[in-house]
């Protein structure tokens, strides 16, 4: 797995990896990606079941739409903060690579601070939304599932994204490029 700050094979430099990030990486490798993929597969299967039932038997399951919606939501938010650590993000390297070193550092600091601010706002919004739904005791339409359990996925994903940007901020203040591409140099 390529972590931000990795310099690639053959450079001899070991990336800075704090212990908590190693634990998060192990948790990610051993389950989180699999859980997210499983949720997406179940959502697709339920969607296929619903489409087949409507087409062949002219019947519909009222709970199917909810299951699909909630499983997709959880699937996306579980990997929301972990996907960037694998290099799944957009970066305009054509422009960035042509900048002088001092400007690259300024842009990386600005990106980290912007990411921290954005993810902190998502954490706050997820926390407020979860507390509000819990206080109102709202339930889903057909399954009577407490909505705060469904919507806490935003809070979980936002926390993972916040931890990612904390790690990137530590890297940038250690003089590394936290958003370095995960692809090999000559690929």
Protein backbone atom coordinates (compact mmCIF):
# COMPACT_ATOMS: atom_id res chain seq x y z
CA UNK A 1 0.00 0.00 0.00
CA UNK A 2 1.31 3.43 -0.86
CA UNK A 3 0.93 5.90 1.95
CA UNK A 4 1.27 9.63 1.48
CA UNK A 5 4.88 10.57 1.94
CA UNK A 6 6.24 7.33 0.48
CA UNK A 7 9.14 8.09 -1.79
CA UNK A 8 8.89 4.94 -3.87
CA UNK A 9 11.13 1.92 -4.19
CA UNK A 10 14.85 2.40 -4.26
CA UNK A 11 15.05 5.78 -2.54
CA UNK A 12 16.17 4.31 0.76
CA UNK A 13 14.05 6.69 2.84
CA UNK A 14 11.45 5.21 5.12
CA UNK A 15 8.21 7.19 5.37
CA UNK A 16 7.14 8.55 8.72
CA UNK A 17 4.30 6.32 9.92
CA UNK A 18 2.89 6.97 13.39
CA UNK A 19 1.71 3.98 15.41
CA UNK A 20 -1.97 5.00 15.28
CA UNK A 21 -1.79 5.14 11.48
CA UNK A 22 -0.30 1.64 11.40
CA UNK A 23 -3.21 0.41 13.50
CA UNK A 24 -5.67 2.17 11.20
CA UNK A 25 -3.93 0.67 8.18
CA UNK A 26 -4.21 -2.83 9.66
CA UNK A 27 -7.89 -2.27 10.44
CA UNK A 28 -8.39 -1.02 6.89
CA UNK A 29 -6.56 -3.95 5.26
CA UNK A 30 -8.21 -6.62 7.38
CA UNK A 31 -11.78 -5.50 7.22
CA UNK A 32 -12.93 -2.02 6.36
CA UNK A 33 -12.53 -2.31 2.58
CA UNK A 34 -14.14 -5.77 2.68
CA UNK A 35 -17.06 -4.52 4.78
CA UNK A 36 -17.60 -1.60 2.43
CA UNK A 37 -17.45 -3.85 -0.63
CA UNK A 38 -19.82 -6.34 1.01
CA UNK A 39 -22.33 -3.60 1.77
CA UNK A 40 -22.20 -2.41 -1.84
CA UNK A 41 -22.68 -5.97 -3.12
CA UNK A 42 -25.68 -6.52 -0.84
CA UNK A 43 -27.15 -3.21 -2.02
CA UNK A 44 -26.69 -4.24 -5.66
CA UNK A 45 -28.21 -7.68 -4.96
CA UNK A 46 -31.26 -6.19 -3.26
CA UNK A 47 -31.65 -3.77 -6.16
CA UNK A 48 -31.48 -6.68 -8.62
CA UNK A 49 -34.01 -8.64 -6.54
CA UNK A 50 -36.38 -5.66 -6.52
CA UNK A 51 -36.04 -5.13 -10.28
CA UNK A 52 -36.59 -8.84 -10.95
CA UNK A 53 -39.63 -8.98 -8.66
CA UNK A 54 -41.18 -5.95 -10.32
CA UNK A 55 -40.52 -7.22 -13.83
CA UNK A 56 -41.44 -10.86 -13.48
CA UNK A 57 -44.00 -10.91 -10.66
CA UNK A 58 -45.39 -7.35 -10.64
CA UNK A 59 -44.62 -7.05 -6.95
CA UNK A 60 -42.45 -4.70 -4.95
CA UNK A 61 -40.75 -4.93 -1.58
CA UNK A 62 -41.20 -1.70 0.38
CA UNK A 63 -38.03 -2.23 2.41
CA UNK A 64 -35.75 -2.73 -0.60
CA UNK A 65 -35.28 0.95 -1.42
CA UNK A 66 -34.33 1.73 2.17
CA UNK A 67 -31.86 -1.13 2.42
CA UNK A 68 -30.15 -0.06 -0.80
CA UNK A 69 -30.00 3.60 0.25
CA UNK A 70 -28.57 2.88 3.70
CA UNK A 71 -26.07 0.25 2.57
CA UNK A 72 -24.72 2.53 -0.17
CA UNK A 73 -24.47 5.41 2.32
CA UNK A 74 -22.51 3.30 4.80
CA UNK A 75 -20.36 1.75 2.08
CA UNK A 76 -19.26 5.15 0.82
CA UNK A 77 -18.74 6.81 4.19
CA UNK A 78 -16.73 3.91 5.60
CA UNK A 79 -14.02 4.43 3.00
CA UNK A 80 -14.45 8.20 2.76
CA UNK A 81 -11.38 8.93 4.85
CA UNK A 82 -9.35 5.92 3.78
CA UNK A 83 -9.56 6.22 0.02
CA UNK A 84 -7.22 9.24 -0.14
CA UNK A 85 -4.54 7.31 1.75
CA UNK A 86 -4.48 4.85 -1.13
CA UNK A 87 -3.99 7.62 -3.66
CA UNK A 88 -7.63 7.77 -4.79
CA UNK A 89 -7.91 11.52 -5.10
CA UNK A 90 -7.59 14.17 -7.77
CA UNK A 91 -4.43 16.23 -7.96
CA UNK A 92 -3.33 18.55 -10.71
CA UNK A 93 0.25 17.34 -10.86
CA UNK A 94 0.90 18.95 -14.22
CA UNK A 95 0.73 22.39 -12.61
CA UNK A 96 2.01 21.39 -9.16
CA UNK A 97 5.18 19.74 -10.47
CA UNK A 98 6.18 22.93 -12.27
CA UNK A 99 5.99 25.07 -9.11
CA UNK A 100 9.11 26.02 -7.16
CA UNK A 101 9.74 24.08 -3.94
CA UNK A 102 8.68 26.94 -1.64
CA UNK A 103 5.35 27.29 -3.46
CA UNK A 104 4.78 23.52 -3.33
CA UNK A 105 5.21 23.65 0.45
CA UNK A 106 2.84 26.60 0.76
CA UNK A 107 0.25 24.81 -1.38
CA UNK A 108 0.62 21.60 0.65
CA UNK A 109 0.18 23.50 3.93
CA UNK A 110 -2.89 25.26 2.50
CA UNK A 111 -4.30 21.92 1.28
CA UNK A 112 -3.75 20.31 4.69
CA UNK A 113 -5.32 23.19 6.58
CA UNK A 114 -8.24 23.31 4.15
CA UNK A 115 -8.70 19.55 4.49
CA UNK A 116 -8.59 19.78 8.28
CA UNK A 117 -11.15 22.57 8.25
CA UNK A 118 -13.43 20.74 5.82
CA UNK A 119 -13.25 17.43 7.67
CA UNK A 120 -13.70 19.15 11.05
CA UNK A 121 -16.87 20.78 9.69
CA UNK A 122 -18.08 17.37 8.49
CA UNK A 123 -17.37 15.87 11.93
CA UNK A 124 -19.31 18.68 13.57
CA UNK A 125 -22.21 18.33 11.11
CA UNK A 126 -22.29 14.55 11.59
CA UNK A 127 -22.26 14.96 15.37
CA UNK A 128 -25.06 17.53 15.34
CA UNK A 129 -27.14 15.49 12.90
CA UNK A 130 -26.70 12.29 14.91
CA UNK A 131 -27.63 13.98 18.20
CA UNK A 132 -30.62 15.68 16.62
CA UNK A 133 -31.96 12.46 15.10
CA UNK A 134 -31.40 10.60 18.35
CA UNK A 135 -33.18 13.30 20.37
CA UNK A 136 -36.14 13.27 17.97
CA UNK A 137 -36.22 9.44 17.96
CA UNK A 138 -36.90 9.42 14.23
CA UNK A 139 -37.20 6.05 12.53
CA UNK A 140 -36.98 4.96 8.92
CA UNK A 141 -40.08 4.73 6.74
CA UNK A 142 -40.61 1.01 6.37
CA UNK A 143 -38.18 -0.80 8.67
CA UNK A 144 -38.60 1.34 11.82
CA UNK A 145 -34.83 1.55 12.15
CA UNK A 146 -33.60 4.50 14.27
CA UNK A 147 -32.29 7.04 11.75
CA UNK A 148 -29.40 8.12 13.95
CA UNK A 149 -27.86 4.66 13.46
CA UNK A 150 -28.03 5.10 9.71
CA UNK A 151 -26.82 8.68 9.63
CA UNK A 152 -23.89 8.16 12.03
CA UNK A 153 -22.04 6.91 8.94
CA UNK A 154 -21.30 10.55 8.07
CA UNK A 155 -19.64 11.04 11.45
CA UNK A 156 -17.56 7.86 11.12
CA UNK A 157 -16.37 8.75 7.61
CA UNK A 158 -15.65 12.36 8.58
CA UNK A 159 -13.55 11.22 11.54
CA UNK A 160 -11.51 8.94 9.29
CA UNK A 161 -11.02 11.79 6.83
CA UNK A 162 -9.96 14.10 9.68
CA UNK A 163 -7.34 11.57 10.85
CA UNK A 164 -6.03 11.38 7.29
CA UNK A 165 -5.55 15.15 7.15
CA UNK A 166 -3.90 15.17 10.60
CA UNK A 167 -1.40 12.66 9.22
CA UNK A 168 -0.88 14.76 6.08
CA UNK A 169 -0.32 17.86 8.21
CA UNK A 170 2.36 16.06 10.24
CA UNK A 171 4.05 14.99 6.99
CA UNK A 172 3.99 18.46 5.47
CA UNK A 173 5.57 20.00 8.58
CA UNK A 174 8.27 17.30 8.40
CA UNK A 175 9.11 18.54 4.90
CA UNK A 176 7.41 15.74 2.93
CA UNK A 177 4.81 15.86 0.20
CA UNK A 178 1.72 14.30 1.83
CA UNK A 179 -0.26 14.07 -1.38
CA UNK A 180 2.38 12.42 -3.53
CA UNK A 181 0.91 10.19 -6.18
CA UNK A 182 0.69 6.49 -5.36
CA UNK A 183 1.62 5.54 -8.92
CA UNK A 184 5.19 4.62 -9.86
CA UNK A 185 7.28 7.37 -11.46
CA UNK A 186 7.60 5.81 -14.93
CA UNK A 187 4.23 4.05 -15.18
